[in-house]
Structure formats: structure tokens, C-alpha cells
Amino acid sequence: MRLSFLLSVMSQNYEISQPLPPSVKRASTILQWSGNIGFWTQLILGVLAAALLFLSLAGLVTQDRSSEGTSFSIFCSISGVIALMVSTFICFRYKKIAQLMKNPEPKARPKKSSTLQLIRAGLLSNLIGIFLSIIGAEGFVGILWRKLSNIPQGAAVYDTGKLPTPSEILLLLANTHTISCHFAGIIVGLYLLDRLDR
């Protein structure tokens, strides 16, 4: 009975799973570490940037003192945060791809071309987001400069509407946080392209 069982097992075509090639192990480790660093950096700084942005927007709404030109700058700031959310999700996907790469079945592993395409999409999201955040920050710097330059030196200011509001300064701070988040995402993406596109 044992002999017949052994013969039946030997006659069947079982694929013996091969150990992971060193290049796949290395790529999986790089993706895992980079995904973790990019995800947590962008998530922590991004939550802070989004909180600052929405606090400042709430302050502008309650004060009802928005200056000319703030609408476009606010739109750019919000768009930069949305692009940051996309980039953070892509960094999370890096971690999932790294886990899929550890599959012993070669056909079940993600293709190198699709992984590189995802990295490029993350870079594009970061570049668009950093561009929009810089435009938003430049707009708020212009608004603050215009307000401060219209105050005569040495004069007492009785009209507080001519002074920058804390909400406008918070908007500028939110943009600089968003820019630093996108910068971290760009570094992660460029590092991954350098290491994996070989």
C-alpha cells in the first residue's frame, strides 16, 4: 500500500517551489523599507499639514476677512494635500507589492514593469503636489507682503484688516509642511527607481 502511494505521488506533476532569487529578495526588501519610510513620513507630516490647512480655513471663514487672491491659493493648497493623499496611498502599495514579491510562485509575483510604473505614478503625484503647494505658498507670501507693505512705517495701525491674520500665516505653514511631505515622497521614488530599474 505504501509503495502504491509513493508511486502515485511520484507520477503526479508537482511543482517544487524554488527559493527566491537574490535579486527578488533584494527588491522586496528595498520596496518594504522605502514603502514604510515614505508612508509614515508622508502620513505624519501630511496629517499635520491637513490639520493646519483646515484650521486656517475655519479661521478665515469665521473672521470673514479673506483677502483678494486667496481663493486660488486655497485651491492650490487643497489640491496639494489631495495629491499628498494619493502619494501616501502609493507608498502603502509599495509595501503590499513587497509582500507579493515574496511569493515562491514566479507567476504570482508582480511584474517589474508594473512596479516601476507605480513608482513613476507616485513621483508624478509628488511633483504635481509640490508644484501646486509652491504656487499656493507663493500666493500667500504675496498676500502677506502686500498687506505689510501698505502699512506706513512708524504709524499706528487702527484698521486691523490691513494686518496679516493668523489664519493666513497658518495657510503658509500648511503649504510648507505639504511641500516637505512631497519632497520626502520624491526622494523615496527616486531612490526606488535608482535601485530597481537595473
N, C-alpha and C. Protein backbone atom coordinates (compact mmCIF):
# COMPACT_ATOMS: atom_id res chain seq x y z
N MET A 1 0.83 -1.19 0.00
CA MET A 1 0.00 0.00 0.00
C MET A 1 0.87 1.25 0.00
N ARG A 2 1.94 1.20 0.80
CA ARG A 2 2.83 2.36 0.83
C ARG A 2 3.52 2.54 -0.52
N LEU A 3 3.88 1.46 -1.15
CA LEU A 3 4.55 1.54 -2.44
C LEU A 3 3.64 2.14 -3.49
N SER A 4 2.37 1.75 -3.49
CA SER A 4 1.43 2.31 -4.47
C SER A 4 1.21 3.80 -4.21
N PHE A 5 1.19 4.21 -2.95
CA PHE A 5 1.03 5.61 -2.62
C PHE A 5 2.23 6.42 -3.11
N LEU A 6 3.44 5.88 -2.88
CA LEU A 6 4.65 6.58 -3.32
C LEU A 6 4.71 6.69 -4.83
N LEU A 7 4.29 5.62 -5.52
CA LEU A 7 4.29 5.67 -6.98
C LEU A 7 3.29 6.68 -7.51
N SER A 8 2.13 6.76 -6.86
CA SER A 8 1.14 7.74 -7.32
C SER A 8 1.61 9.16 -7.08
N VAL A 9 2.30 9.37 -5.96
CA VAL A 9 2.84 10.70 -5.67
C VAL A 9 3.92 11.06 -6.68
N MET A 10 4.76 10.11 -6.99
CA MET A 10 5.85 10.39 -7.93
C MET A 10 5.33 10.59 -9.35
N SER A 11 4.21 9.95 -9.67
CA SER A 11 3.70 10.09 -11.03
C SER A 11 3.03 11.43 -11.26
N GLN A 12 2.55 12.06 -10.19
CA GLN A 12 1.91 13.35 -10.35
C GLN A 12 2.97 14.43 -10.57
N ASN A 13 2.56 15.45 -11.28
CA ASN A 13 3.48 16.55 -11.60
C ASN A 13 3.36 17.65 -10.56
N TYR A 14 4.14 17.55 -9.52
CA TYR A 14 4.16 18.61 -8.52
C TYR A 14 5.30 19.56 -8.84
N GLU A 15 4.94 20.86 -8.79
CA GLU A 15 5.99 21.86 -9.00
C GLU A 15 6.65 22.13 -7.65
N ILE A 16 7.92 21.94 -7.61
CA ILE A 16 8.65 22.23 -6.38
C ILE A 16 8.96 23.72 -6.38
N SER A 17 8.52 24.40 -5.33
CA SER A 17 8.73 25.85 -5.28
C SER A 17 10.22 26.15 -5.07
N GLN A 18 10.71 27.02 -5.91
CA GLN A 18 12.11 27.40 -5.87
C GLN A 18 12.31 28.47 -4.80
N PRO A 19 13.48 28.51 -4.19
CA PRO A 19 13.75 29.62 -3.27
C PRO A 19 13.81 30.93 -4.06
N LEU A 20 13.54 32.02 -3.37
CA LEU A 20 13.54 33.32 -4.03
C LEU A 20 14.92 33.67 -4.55
N PRO A 21 15.00 34.15 -5.78
CA PRO A 21 16.30 34.62 -6.28
C PRO A 21 16.79 35.81 -5.45
N PRO A 22 18.10 35.97 -5.34
CA PRO A 22 18.65 37.09 -4.54
C PRO A 22 18.17 38.46 -5.02
N SER A 23 18.01 38.63 -6.33
CA SER A 23 17.58 39.94 -6.84
C SER A 23 16.15 40.25 -6.40
N VAL A 24 15.29 39.23 -6.36
CA VAL A 24 13.90 39.44 -5.94
C VAL A 24 13.86 39.74 -4.44
N LYS A 25 14.68 39.02 -3.66
CA LYS A 25 14.75 39.29 -2.21
C LYS A 25 15.20 40.72 -1.96
N ARG A 26 16.22 41.14 -2.68
CA ARG A 26 16.76 42.49 -2.51
C ARG A 26 15.71 43.54 -2.89
N ALA A 27 15.02 43.33 -4.02
CA ALA A 27 14.00 44.27 -4.46
C ALA A 27 12.84 44.33 -3.47
N SER A 28 12.46 43.18 -2.93
CA SER A 28 11.38 43.13 -1.95
C SER A 28 11.76 43.88 -0.68
N THR A 29 12.99 43.70 -0.22
CA THR A 29 13.45 44.40 0.99
C THR A 29 13.50 45.91 0.76
N ILE A 30 14.00 46.32 -0.40
CA ILE A 30 14.09 47.75 -0.71
C ILE A 30 12.70 48.36 -0.77
N LEU A 31 11.77 47.67 -1.43
CA LEU A 31 10.40 48.18 -1.52
C LEU A 31 9.74 48.26 -0.14
N GLN A 32 9.97 47.24 0.68
CA GLN A 32 9.37 47.23 2.02
C GLN A 32 9.87 48.40 2.86
N TRP A 33 11.18 48.59 2.90
CA TRP A 33 11.75 49.68 3.70
C TRP A 33 11.36 51.05 3.16
N SER A 34 11.46 51.21 1.86
CA SER A 34 11.13 52.50 1.26
C SER A 34 9.64 52.81 1.42
N GLY A 35 8.81 51.80 1.25
CA GLY A 35 7.37 51.99 1.44
C GLY A 35 7.04 52.41 2.86
N ASN A 36 7.69 51.77 3.84
CA ASN A 36 7.46 52.13 5.24
C ASN A 36 7.90 53.57 5.52
N ILE A 37 9.10 53.90 5.07
CA ILE A 37 9.62 55.25 5.33
C ILE A 37 8.74 56.30 4.64
N GLY A 38 8.43 56.08 3.36
CA GLY A 38 7.60 57.04 2.63
C GLY A 38 6.20 57.16 3.20
N PHE A 39 5.60 56.02 3.55
CA PHE A 39 4.23 56.02 4.06
C PHE A 39 4.14 56.76 5.39
N TRP A 40 4.99 56.40 6.35
CA TRP A 40 4.88 57.01 7.67
C TRP A 40 5.31 58.47 7.67
N THR A 41 6.33 58.81 6.90
CA THR A 41 6.75 60.22 6.82
C THR A 41 5.64 61.08 6.24
N GLN A 42 5.08 60.62 5.12
CA GLN A 42 4.03 61.40 4.48
C GLN A 42 2.75 61.40 5.29
N LEU A 43 2.46 60.30 5.96
CA LEU A 43 1.23 60.25 6.75
C LEU A 43 1.30 61.20 7.94
N ILE A 44 2.40 61.17 8.69
CA ILE A 44 2.51 62.01 9.89
C ILE A 44 2.56 63.49 9.51
N LEU A 45 3.46 63.84 8.59
CA LEU A 45 3.55 65.24 8.18
C LEU A 45 2.32 65.69 7.41
N GLY A 46 1.72 64.76 6.66
CA GLY A 46 0.51 65.10 5.89
C GLY A 46 -0.69 65.37 6.77
N VAL A 47 -0.84 64.59 7.83
CA VAL A 47 -1.95 64.84 8.77
C VAL A 47 -1.76 66.21 9.42
N LEU A 48 -0.53 66.54 9.77
CA LEU A 48 -0.24 67.85 10.36
C LEU A 48 -0.54 68.97 9.35
N ALA A 49 -0.12 68.77 8.11
CA ALA A 49 -0.37 69.79 7.08
C ALA A 49 -1.87 69.96 6.83
N ALA A 50 -2.61 68.85 6.75
CA ALA A 50 -4.06 68.93 6.53
C ALA A 50 -4.75 69.59 7.71
N ALA A 51 -4.31 69.28 8.94
CA ALA A 51 -4.92 69.90 10.12
C ALA A 51 -4.68 71.40 10.13
N LEU A 52 -3.45 71.81 9.80
CA LEU A 52 -3.14 73.25 9.74
C LEU A 52 -3.96 73.94 8.65
N LEU A 53 -4.10 73.25 7.52
CA LEU A 53 -4.86 73.83 6.41
C LEU A 53 -6.32 74.04 6.79
N PHE A 54 -6.93 73.02 7.38
CA PHE A 54 -8.35 73.14 7.69
C PHE A 54 -8.60 74.05 8.90
N LEU A 55 -7.65 74.12 9.83
CA LEU A 55 -7.77 75.10 10.92
C LEU A 55 -7.72 76.53 10.38
N SER A 56 -6.81 76.77 9.46
CA SER A 56 -6.69 78.11 8.89
C SER A 56 -7.91 78.46 8.04
N LEU A 57 -8.45 77.48 7.32
CA LEU A 57 -9.65 77.74 6.53
C LEU A 57 -10.83 78.05 7.44
N ALA A 58 -10.93 77.32 8.56
CA ALA A 58 -12.00 77.61 9.51
C ALA A 58 -11.83 79.01 10.10
N GLY A 59 -10.58 79.42 10.36
CA GLY A 59 -10.31 80.76 10.86
C GLY A 59 -10.69 81.83 9.86
N LEU A 60 -10.41 81.59 8.57
CA LEU A 60 -10.77 82.57 7.54
C LEU A 60 -12.28 82.70 7.41
N VAL A 61 -12.99 81.58 7.52
CA VAL A 61 -14.45 81.61 7.39
C VAL A 61 -15.08 82.36 8.56
N THR A 62 -14.58 82.10 9.78
CA THR A 62 -15.17 82.77 10.95
C THR A 62 -14.82 84.26 10.98
N GLN A 63 -13.63 84.61 10.49
CA GLN A 63 -13.25 86.03 10.50
C GLN A 63 -13.89 86.78 9.35
N ASP A 64 -14.19 86.06 8.26
CA ASP A 64 -14.77 86.66 7.05
C ASP A 64 -13.93 87.84 6.57
N ARG A 65 -12.59 87.61 6.55
CA ARG A 65 -11.66 88.66 6.15
C ARG A 65 -10.67 88.15 5.11
N SER A 66 -11.15 87.34 4.21
CA SER A 66 -10.21 86.81 3.23
C SER A 66 -9.81 87.92 2.26
N SER A 67 -8.55 87.95 1.90
CA SER A 67 -8.01 88.96 1.00
C SER A 67 -8.23 88.55 -0.45
N GLU A 68 -7.95 89.50 -1.32
CA GLU A 68 -8.02 89.19 -2.75
C GLU A 68 -6.95 88.17 -3.11
N GLY A 69 -7.30 87.24 -3.94
CA GLY A 69 -6.33 86.26 -4.41
C GLY A 69 -6.20 85.03 -3.53
N THR A 70 -6.91 85.00 -2.41
CA THR A 70 -6.76 83.82 -1.54
C THR A 70 -7.47 82.60 -2.11
N SER A 71 -8.50 82.80 -2.91
CA SER A 71 -9.27 81.66 -3.42
C SER A 71 -8.39 80.72 -4.23
N PHE A 72 -7.60 81.27 -5.15
CA PHE A 72 -6.74 80.42 -5.98
C PHE A 72 -5.65 79.76 -5.13
N SER A 73 -5.10 80.51 -4.18
CA SER A 73 -4.07 79.94 -3.31
C SER A 73 -4.64 78.82 -2.44
N ILE A 74 -5.85 79.00 -1.95
CA ILE A 74 -6.50 77.96 -1.16
C ILE A 74 -6.77 76.73 -2.02
N PHE A 75 -7.21 76.95 -3.27
CA PHE A 75 -7.44 75.83 -4.18
C PHE A 75 -6.15 75.05 -4.42
N CYS A 76 -5.05 75.75 -4.64
CA CYS A 76 -3.75 75.08 -4.85
C CYS A 76 -3.32 74.32 -3.60
N SER A 77 -3.57 74.89 -2.42
CA SER A 77 -3.19 74.23 -1.18
C SER A 77 -3.98 72.95 -0.97
N ILE A 78 -5.28 73.01 -1.20
CA ILE A 78 -6.12 71.81 -1.04
C ILE A 78 -5.73 70.75 -2.06
N SER A 79 -5.46 71.18 -3.30
CA SER A 79 -5.05 70.23 -4.34
C SER A 79 -3.72 69.57 -3.98
N GLY A 80 -2.80 70.32 -3.37
CA GLY A 80 -1.53 69.75 -2.94
C GLY A 80 -1.72 68.68 -1.88
N VAL A 81 -2.67 68.90 -0.96
CA VAL A 81 -2.95 67.90 0.08
C VAL A 81 -3.61 66.66 -0.53
N ILE A 82 -4.49 66.85 -1.52
CA ILE A 82 -5.11 65.70 -2.19
C ILE A 82 -4.05 64.87 -2.92
N ALA A 83 -3.12 65.55 -3.60
CA ALA A 83 -2.03 64.83 -4.26
C ALA A 83 -1.17 64.10 -3.25
N LEU A 84 -1.03 64.66 -2.05
CA LEU A 84 -0.28 64.00 -0.99
C LEU A 84 -0.97 62.73 -0.52
N MET A 85 -2.30 62.75 -0.46
CA MET A 85 -3.04 61.55 -0.07
C MET A 85 -2.84 60.44 -1.11
N VAL A 86 -2.82 60.81 -2.39
CA VAL A 86 -2.57 59.82 -3.45
C VAL A 86 -1.17 59.24 -3.30
N SER A 87 -0.19 60.10 -3.05
CA SER A 87 1.19 59.64 -2.90
C SER A 87 1.35 58.74 -1.68
N THR A 88 0.66 59.05 -0.58
CA THR A 88 0.73 58.22 0.62
C THR A 88 0.14 56.84 0.35
N PHE A 89 -0.96 56.80 -0.40
CA PHE A 89 -1.56 55.51 -0.76
C PHE A 89 -0.60 54.69 -1.64
N ILE A 90 0.10 55.37 -2.54
CA ILE A 90 1.04 54.65 -3.41
C ILE A 90 2.19 54.08 -2.58
N CYS A 91 2.66 54.82 -1.58
CA CYS A 91 3.71 54.28 -0.69
C CYS A 91 3.20 53.06 0.07
N PHE A 92 1.93 53.08 0.44
CA PHE A 92 1.34 51.91 1.08
C PHE A 92 1.32 50.72 0.12
N ARG A 93 1.08 51.00 -1.16
CA ARG A 93 1.08 49.94 -2.17
C ARG A 93 2.48 49.33 -2.34
N TYR A 94 3.53 50.13 -2.15
CA TYR A 94 4.89 49.59 -2.22
C TYR A 94 5.05 48.44 -1.23
N LYS A 95 4.51 48.63 -0.03
CA LYS A 95 4.62 47.59 1.00
C LYS A 95 3.87 46.33 0.58
N LYS A 96 2.71 46.50 -0.02
CA LYS A 96 1.92 45.34 -0.47
C LYS A 96 2.63 44.60 -1.61
N ILE A 97 3.22 45.35 -2.51
CA ILE A 97 3.96 44.73 -3.62
C ILE A 97 5.16 43.96 -3.09
N ALA A 98 5.82 44.52 -2.07
CA ALA A 98 6.97 43.83 -1.47
C ALA A 98 6.55 42.49 -0.89
N GLN A 99 5.36 42.42 -0.30
CA GLN A 99 4.87 41.15 0.24
C GLN A 99 4.54 40.17 -0.88
N LEU A 100 3.96 40.68 -1.97
CA LEU A 100 3.64 39.80 -3.11
C LEU A 100 4.89 39.26 -3.78
N MET A 101 5.97 40.01 -3.72
CA MET A 101 7.22 39.56 -4.35
C MET A 101 7.83 38.36 -3.63
N LYS A 102 7.44 38.15 -2.38
CA LYS A 102 7.98 37.03 -1.61
C LYS A 102 7.28 35.72 -1.92
N ASN A 103 6.31 35.76 -2.81
CA ASN A 103 5.58 34.56 -3.20
C ASN A 103 6.54 33.61 -3.92
N PRO A 104 6.58 32.33 -3.51
CA PRO A 104 7.52 31.40 -4.16
C PRO A 104 7.16 31.10 -5.62
N GLU A 105 5.91 31.31 -6.00
CA GLU A 105 5.50 31.08 -7.39
C GLU A 105 5.89 32.28 -8.25
N PRO A 106 6.74 32.10 -9.24
CA PRO A 106 7.16 33.24 -10.06
C PRO A 106 6.01 33.93 -10.78
N LYS A 107 4.98 33.16 -11.17
CA LYS A 107 3.86 33.76 -11.91
C LYS A 107 3.00 34.64 -11.01
N ALA A 108 3.02 34.41 -9.71
CA ALA A 108 2.19 35.18 -8.79
C ALA A 108 2.85 36.50 -8.38
N ARG A 109 4.13 36.66 -8.68
CA ARG A 109 4.82 37.89 -8.32
C ARG A 109 4.44 39.02 -9.27
N PRO A 110 4.42 40.25 -8.78
CA PRO A 110 4.13 41.38 -9.68
C PRO A 110 5.25 41.58 -10.68
N LYS A 111 4.89 42.07 -11.85
CA LYS A 111 5.89 42.31 -12.89
C LYS A 111 6.72 43.54 -12.55
N LYS A 112 7.95 43.50 -13.00
CA LYS A 112 8.85 44.63 -12.75
C LYS A 112 8.33 45.89 -13.44
N SER A 113 7.78 45.74 -14.64
CA SER A 113 7.29 46.91 -15.38
C SER A 113 6.13 47.58 -14.66
N SER A 114 5.22 46.78 -14.09
CA SER A 114 4.08 47.39 -13.38
C SER A 114 4.54 48.05 -12.08
N THR A 115 5.55 47.47 -11.42
CA THR A 115 6.08 48.08 -10.21
C THR A 115 6.75 49.43 -10.52
N LEU A 116 7.55 49.46 -11.59
CA LEU A 116 8.20 50.71 -11.98
C LEU A 116 7.17 51.76 -12.42
N GLN A 117 6.09 51.29 -13.05
CA GLN A 117 5.03 52.22 -13.46
C GLN A 117 4.36 52.84 -12.23
N LEU A 118 4.16 52.04 -11.18
CA LEU A 118 3.57 52.57 -9.96
C LEU A 118 4.51 53.58 -9.29
N ILE A 119 5.80 53.30 -9.31
CA ILE A 119 6.78 54.24 -8.73
C ILE A 119 6.75 55.56 -9.50
N ARG A 120 6.66 55.48 -10.82
CA ARG A 120 6.59 56.70 -11.64
C ARG A 120 5.30 57.47 -11.35
N ALA A 121 4.21 56.76 -11.13
CA ALA A 121 2.94 57.42 -10.79
C ALA A 121 3.06 58.14 -9.45
N GLY A 122 3.76 57.51 -8.49
CA GLY A 122 4.00 58.17 -7.21
C GLY A 122 4.83 59.42 -7.36
N LEU A 123 5.87 59.35 -8.20
CA LEU A 123 6.70 60.53 -8.46
C LEU A 123 5.90 61.64 -9.12
N LEU A 124 5.06 61.27 -10.07
CA LEU A 124 4.23 62.27 -10.75
C LEU A 124 3.27 62.93 -9.77
N SER A 125 2.68 62.14 -8.90
CA SER A 125 1.78 62.69 -7.88
C SER A 125 2.52 63.67 -6.97
N ASN A 126 3.73 63.31 -6.58
CA ASN A 126 4.53 64.20 -5.73
C ASN A 126 4.94 65.47 -6.46
N LEU A 127 5.31 65.34 -7.73
CA LEU A 127 5.71 66.53 -8.49
C LEU A 127 4.55 67.48 -8.69
N ILE A 128 3.36 66.95 -9.02
CA ILE A 128 2.18 67.81 -9.18
C ILE A 128 1.83 68.46 -7.84
N GLY A 129 1.88 67.66 -6.77
CA GLY A 129 1.55 68.19 -5.45
C GLY A 129 2.51 69.25 -4.97
N ILE A 130 3.81 69.04 -5.20
CA ILE A 130 4.79 70.04 -4.76
C ILE A 130 4.66 71.31 -5.58
N PHE A 131 4.35 71.18 -6.86
CA PHE A 131 4.15 72.35 -7.72
C PHE A 131 2.95 73.17 -7.23
N LEU A 132 1.82 72.50 -6.97
CA LEU A 132 0.63 73.20 -6.51
C LEU A 132 0.84 73.84 -5.14
N SER A 133 1.56 73.14 -4.26
CA SER A 133 1.82 73.68 -2.92
C SER A 133 2.74 74.90 -2.98
N ILE A 134 3.71 74.86 -3.88
CA ILE A 134 4.59 76.03 -4.05
C ILE A 134 3.81 77.22 -4.58
N ILE A 135 2.90 76.96 -5.55
CA ILE A 135 2.07 78.05 -6.08
C ILE A 135 1.19 78.63 -4.96
N GLY A 136 0.59 77.74 -4.14
CA GLY A 136 -0.22 78.21 -3.03
C GLY A 136 0.59 79.01 -2.03
N ALA A 137 1.78 78.54 -1.70
CA ALA A 137 2.64 79.26 -0.75
C ALA A 137 3.06 80.61 -1.31
N GLU A 138 3.40 80.65 -2.59
CA GLU A 138 3.78 81.92 -3.22
C GLU A 138 2.63 82.92 -3.18
N GLY A 139 1.42 82.42 -3.40
CA GLY A 139 0.25 83.29 -3.34
C GLY A 139 0.07 83.91 -1.96
N PHE A 140 0.24 83.08 -0.92
CA PHE A 140 0.08 83.61 0.44
C PHE A 140 1.22 84.54 0.82
N VAL A 141 2.41 84.28 0.35
CA VAL A 141 3.53 85.20 0.61
C VAL A 141 3.24 86.55 -0.05
N GLY A 142 2.70 86.52 -1.26
CA GLY A 142 2.33 87.77 -1.94
C GLY A 142 1.26 88.53 -1.19
N ILE A 143 0.27 87.82 -0.67
CA ILE A 143 -0.80 88.47 0.09
C ILE A 143 -0.24 89.11 1.37
N LEU A 144 0.61 88.36 2.08
CA LEU A 144 1.20 88.90 3.31
C LEU A 144 2.10 90.09 3.01
N TRP A 145 2.88 90.00 1.94
CA TRP A 145 3.77 91.12 1.57
C TRP A 145 2.96 92.36 1.23
N ARG A 146 1.86 92.18 0.46
CA ARG A 146 1.03 93.33 0.09
C ARG A 146 0.44 94.00 1.33
N LYS A 147 -0.03 93.18 2.26
CA LYS A 147 -0.60 93.76 3.49
C LYS A 147 0.45 94.51 4.29
N LEU A 148 1.61 93.89 4.46
CA LEU A 148 2.65 94.52 5.29
C LEU A 148 3.27 95.74 4.61
N SER A 149 3.34 95.72 3.28
CA SER A 149 3.96 96.87 2.59
C SER A 149 3.04 98.08 2.55
N ASN A 150 1.76 97.89 2.78
CA ASN A 150 0.83 99.02 2.78
C ASN A 150 0.74 99.72 4.13
N ILE A 151 1.43 99.20 5.12
CA ILE A 151 1.43 99.84 6.45
C ILE A 151 2.59 100.83 6.49
N PRO A 152 2.30 102.10 6.71
CA PRO A 152 3.40 103.07 6.80
C PRO A 152 4.28 102.80 8.01
N GLN A 153 5.58 102.98 7.85
CA GLN A 153 6.50 102.72 8.96
C GLN A 153 6.31 103.76 10.06
N GLY A 154 6.27 103.26 11.28
CA GLY A 154 6.14 104.14 12.44
C GLY A 154 4.72 104.62 12.70
N ALA A 155 3.76 104.23 11.86
CA ALA A 155 2.38 104.69 12.05
C ALA A 155 1.62 103.68 12.90
N ALA A 156 0.70 104.18 13.68
CA ALA A 156 -0.16 103.29 14.46
C ALA A 156 -1.23 102.72 13.54
N VAL A 157 -1.49 101.44 13.68
CA VAL A 157 -2.46 100.79 12.82
C VAL A 157 -3.78 100.68 13.57
N TYR A 158 -4.79 101.37 13.04
CA TYR A 158 -6.11 101.32 13.67
C TYR A 158 -7.04 100.36 12.92
N ASP A 159 -6.77 100.16 11.64
CA ASP A 159 -7.57 99.23 10.85
C ASP A 159 -6.86 97.88 10.83
N THR A 160 -7.33 96.96 11.66
CA THR A 160 -6.65 95.65 11.75
C THR A 160 -6.87 94.81 10.50
N GLY A 161 -7.76 95.21 9.62
CA GLY A 161 -7.95 94.48 8.37
C GLY A 161 -6.75 94.57 7.45
N LYS A 162 -5.87 95.55 7.73
CA LYS A 162 -4.67 95.69 6.92
C LYS A 162 -3.53 94.80 7.40
N LEU A 163 -3.70 94.20 8.56
CA LEU A 163 -2.65 93.32 9.12
C LEU A 163 -2.87 91.88 8.68
N PRO A 164 -1.79 91.12 8.55
CA PRO A 164 -1.96 89.68 8.25
C PRO A 164 -2.66 88.99 9.42
N THR A 165 -3.52 88.05 9.07
CA THR A 165 -4.24 87.31 10.10
C THR A 165 -3.46 86.04 10.44
N PRO A 166 -3.66 85.51 11.65
CA PRO A 166 -3.02 84.23 11.98
C PRO A 166 -3.42 83.11 11.02
N SER A 167 -4.64 83.17 10.51
CA SER A 167 -5.10 82.13 9.58
C SER A 167 -4.30 82.15 8.28
N GLU A 168 -3.93 83.35 7.81
CA GLU A 168 -3.13 83.44 6.58
C GLU A 168 -1.72 82.90 6.82
N ILE A 169 -1.19 83.14 7.99
CA ILE A 169 0.14 82.61 8.30
C ILE A 169 0.08 81.10 8.46
N LEU A 170 -1.01 80.58 9.05
CA LEU A 170 -1.20 79.13 9.16
C LEU A 170 -1.30 78.47 7.79
N LEU A 171 -1.96 79.16 6.85
CA LEU A 171 -2.05 78.62 5.49
C LEU A 171 -0.67 78.49 4.86
N LEU A 172 0.16 79.48 5.10
CA LEU A 172 1.53 79.42 4.59
C LEU A 172 2.29 78.26 5.23
N LEU A 173 2.11 78.08 6.54
CA LEU A 173 2.77 76.98 7.24
C LEU A 173 2.27 75.61 6.75
N ALA A 174 0.97 75.52 6.49
CA ALA A 174 0.41 74.26 5.95
C ALA A 174 1.03 73.93 4.61
N ASN A 175 1.22 74.94 3.77
CA ASN A 175 1.85 74.71 2.47
C ASN A 175 3.29 74.24 2.60
N THR A 176 4.03 74.83 3.52
CA THR A 176 5.43 74.40 3.68
C THR A 176 5.50 72.96 4.20
N HIS A 177 4.57 72.56 5.06
CA HIS A 177 4.52 71.16 5.51
C HIS A 177 4.19 70.23 4.34
N THR A 178 3.25 70.64 3.51
CA THR A 178 2.88 69.82 2.35
C THR A 178 4.06 69.69 1.39
N ILE A 179 4.80 70.77 1.20
CA ILE A 179 5.98 70.73 0.32
C ILE A 179 7.01 69.75 0.86
N SER A 180 7.24 69.77 2.18
CA SER A 180 8.22 68.84 2.76
C SER A 180 7.75 67.39 2.63
N CYS A 181 6.45 67.15 2.73
CA CYS A 181 5.92 65.78 2.53
C CYS A 181 6.17 65.30 1.11
N HIS A 182 5.86 66.16 0.15
CA HIS A 182 6.08 65.77 -1.25
C HIS A 182 7.57 65.58 -1.53
N PHE A 183 8.40 66.38 -0.91
CA PHE A 183 9.84 66.24 -1.09
C PHE A 183 10.30 64.86 -0.61
N ALA A 184 9.78 64.43 0.55
CA ALA A 184 10.11 63.10 1.06
C ALA A 184 9.65 62.01 0.10
N GLY A 185 8.46 62.18 -0.48
CA GLY A 185 7.96 61.21 -1.46
C GLY A 185 8.81 61.16 -2.71
N ILE A 186 9.31 62.31 -3.15
CA ILE A 186 10.17 62.36 -4.34
C ILE A 186 11.49 61.64 -4.06
N ILE A 187 12.04 61.84 -2.87
CA ILE A 187 13.29 61.15 -2.52
C ILE A 187 13.09 59.64 -2.53
N VAL A 188 11.99 59.18 -1.94
CA VAL A 188 11.70 57.74 -1.92
C VAL A 188 11.53 57.20 -3.34
N GLY A 189 10.78 57.91 -4.17
CA GLY A 189 10.55 57.46 -5.54
C GLY A 189 11.83 57.40 -6.37
N LEU A 190 12.67 58.43 -6.25
CA LEU A 190 13.93 58.44 -6.99
C LEU A 190 14.87 57.34 -6.51
N TYR A 191 14.88 57.10 -5.20
CA TYR A 191 15.70 56.02 -4.66
C TYR A 191 15.24 54.67 -5.21
N LEU A 192 13.93 54.46 -5.24
CA LEU A 192 13.40 53.19 -5.76
C LEU A 192 13.71 53.02 -7.24
N LEU A 193 13.57 54.09 -8.01
CA LEU A 193 13.90 53.98 -9.44
C LEU A 193 15.37 53.66 -9.63
N ASP A 194 16.22 54.27 -8.82
CA ASP A 194 17.66 54.02 -8.94
C ASP A 194 18.00 52.57 -8.59
N ARG A 195 17.34 52.03 -7.56
CA ARG A 195 17.67 50.69 -7.10
C ARG A 195 17.00 49.58 -7.89
N LEU A 196 15.78 49.83 -8.38
CA LEU A 196 15.03 48.74 -9.01
C LEU A 196 15.09 48.75 -10.53
N ASP A 197 15.38 49.89 -11.12
CA ASP A 197 15.41 49.95 -12.59
C ASP A 197 16.80 49.61 -13.11
N ARG A 198 17.25 48.39 -12.84
CA ARG A 198 18.57 47.95 -13.28
C ARG A 198 18.45 46.64 -14.02
